[in-house]
Amino acid sequence: RCKPTSSLRLVDESVAEGIPEKEPRFDDEEADVQRALEKSLKSIYDAPRCSLLPVVIREPEFGKYQPLPEVQGKDKEKVTDEQVDLDLLTLQTPKKKSP
């Protein structure tokens, strides 16, 4: 089990009685950054939360889309312009619906 590490340590009261408590010092730029960070975090948490619209994921309709034609060969064969034109024409023509 991992224990969180912290730079803060508890000091026994009897040891800390005579030691004045030191306040951390910030220069103006660090203080401005700290205030801006706190303000932005507050605005995030104070923002109204709205409900998201439901998302419906549907399965694709079979027969609506035609698979791309496979090119014969092992990536060595060049496709001619006529083959490309024929494949594009085939893809653009609607499939006949069965009654």
Protein backbone atom coordinates (compact mmCIF):
# COMPACT_ATOMS: atom_id res chain seq x y z
CA ARG A 1 0.00 0.00 0.00
CA CYS A 2 1.41 3.36 -1.00
CA LYS A 3 1.45 6.14 1.54
CA PRO A 4 1.11 9.69 0.27
CA THR A 5 4.25 11.71 0.74
CA SER A 6 3.91 15.21 2.06
CA SER A 7 6.39 17.97 2.73
CA LEU A 8 4.34 18.96 5.78
CA ARG A 9 5.25 17.30 9.05
CA LEU A 10 3.47 17.33 12.36
CA VAL A 11 5.53 18.95 15.10
CA ASP A 12 5.07 18.11 18.76
CA GLU A 13 3.50 21.07 20.60
CA SER A 14 6.16 21.03 23.32
CA VAL A 15 8.87 21.48 20.68
CA ALA A 16 6.98 24.16 18.73
CA GLU A 17 6.07 26.41 21.71
CA GLY A 18 9.10 28.69 21.56
CA ILE A 19 9.35 28.83 17.78
CA PRO A 20 7.46 31.67 16.07
CA GLU A 21 5.31 30.47 13.19
CA LYS A 22 6.64 31.60 9.83
CA GLU A 23 4.20 32.60 7.13
CA PRO A 24 5.07 31.63 3.59
CA ARG A 25 6.11 34.57 1.44
CA PHE A 26 4.75 35.12 -2.03
CA ASP A 27 5.80 37.79 -4.41
CA ASP A 28 3.09 39.74 -6.22
CA GLU A 29 3.28 37.66 -9.41
CA GLU A 30 2.84 34.37 -7.55
CA ALA A 31 -0.06 35.84 -5.57
CA ASP A 32 -1.73 36.99 -8.80
CA VAL A 33 -1.30 33.54 -10.35
CA GLN A 34 -2.70 31.90 -7.21
CA ARG A 35 -5.75 34.21 -7.18
CA ALA A 36 -6.38 33.63 -10.90
CA LEU A 37 -6.15 29.87 -10.40
CA GLU A 38 -8.57 29.92 -7.47
CA LYS A 39 -10.98 32.14 -9.42
CA SER A 40 -10.93 29.87 -12.48
CA LEU A 41 -11.44 26.75 -10.37
CA LYS A 42 -14.33 28.40 -8.56
CA SER A 43 -15.95 29.40 -11.86
CA ILE A 44 -15.68 25.83 -13.12
CA TYR A 45 -17.36 24.38 -10.06
CA ASP A 46 -20.03 27.10 -9.94
CA ALA A 47 -21.02 26.64 -13.60
CA PRO A 48 -24.51 25.19 -14.09
CA ARG A 49 -24.48 21.57 -15.09
CA CYS A 50 -26.79 20.58 -17.91
CA SER A 51 -27.78 17.10 -18.92
CA LEU A 52 -26.31 15.70 -22.11
CA LEU A 53 -28.52 14.53 -24.93
CA PRO A 54 -28.69 10.76 -25.34
CA VAL A 55 -26.57 9.23 -28.09
CA VAL A 56 -27.93 6.37 -30.17
CA ILE A 57 -25.46 4.07 -31.90
CA ARG A 58 -27.00 1.96 -34.64
CA GLU A 59 -25.65 -0.97 -36.57
CA PRO A 60 -25.06 -0.23 -40.27
CA GLU A 61 -27.83 -1.30 -42.61
CA PHE A 62 -26.78 -4.30 -44.66
CA GLY A 63 -26.99 -3.81 -48.41
CA LYS A 64 -26.99 -0.03 -48.18
CA TYR A 65 -23.25 0.24 -48.70
CA GLN A 66 -21.26 -1.66 -51.29
CA PRO A 67 -17.81 -2.98 -50.38
CA LEU A 68 -14.85 -1.49 -52.21
CA PRO A 69 -13.59 -3.63 -55.08
CA GLU A 70 -10.38 -5.53 -54.41
CA VAL A 71 -7.41 -4.96 -56.68
CA GLN A 72 -5.82 -8.18 -57.90
CA GLY A 73 -2.12 -8.74 -57.30
CA LYS A 74 0.31 -8.02 -54.53
CA ASP A 75 0.44 -4.19 -54.61
CA LYS A 76 2.63 -4.42 -57.74
CA GLU A 77 -0.12 -4.12 -60.31
CA LYS A 78 -1.02 -0.62 -61.45
CA VAL A 79 -4.67 0.28 -61.78
CA THR A 80 -5.59 1.85 -65.11
CA ASP A 81 -7.83 4.89 -65.46
CA GLU A 82 -10.45 2.70 -67.14
CA GLN A 83 -10.56 0.40 -64.11
CA VAL A 84 -10.92 3.38 -61.79
CA ASP A 85 -13.72 4.84 -63.92
CA LEU A 86 -15.53 1.50 -63.98
CA ASP A 87 -15.17 1.04 -60.21
CA LEU A 88 -16.46 4.57 -59.54
CA LEU A 89 -19.40 3.99 -61.86
CA THR A 90 -20.16 0.71 -60.10
CA LEU A 91 -20.08 2.39 -56.70
CA GLN A 92 -22.34 5.23 -57.83
CA THR A 93 -25.08 3.09 -59.33
CA PRO A 94 -27.71 2.26 -56.71
CA LYS A 95 -28.31 -1.34 -55.86
CA LYS A 96 -31.64 -2.78 -56.89
CA LYS A 97 -33.88 -3.27 -53.88
CA SER A 98 -35.41 -6.68 -53.50
CA PRO A 99 -39.26 -6.68 -53.35
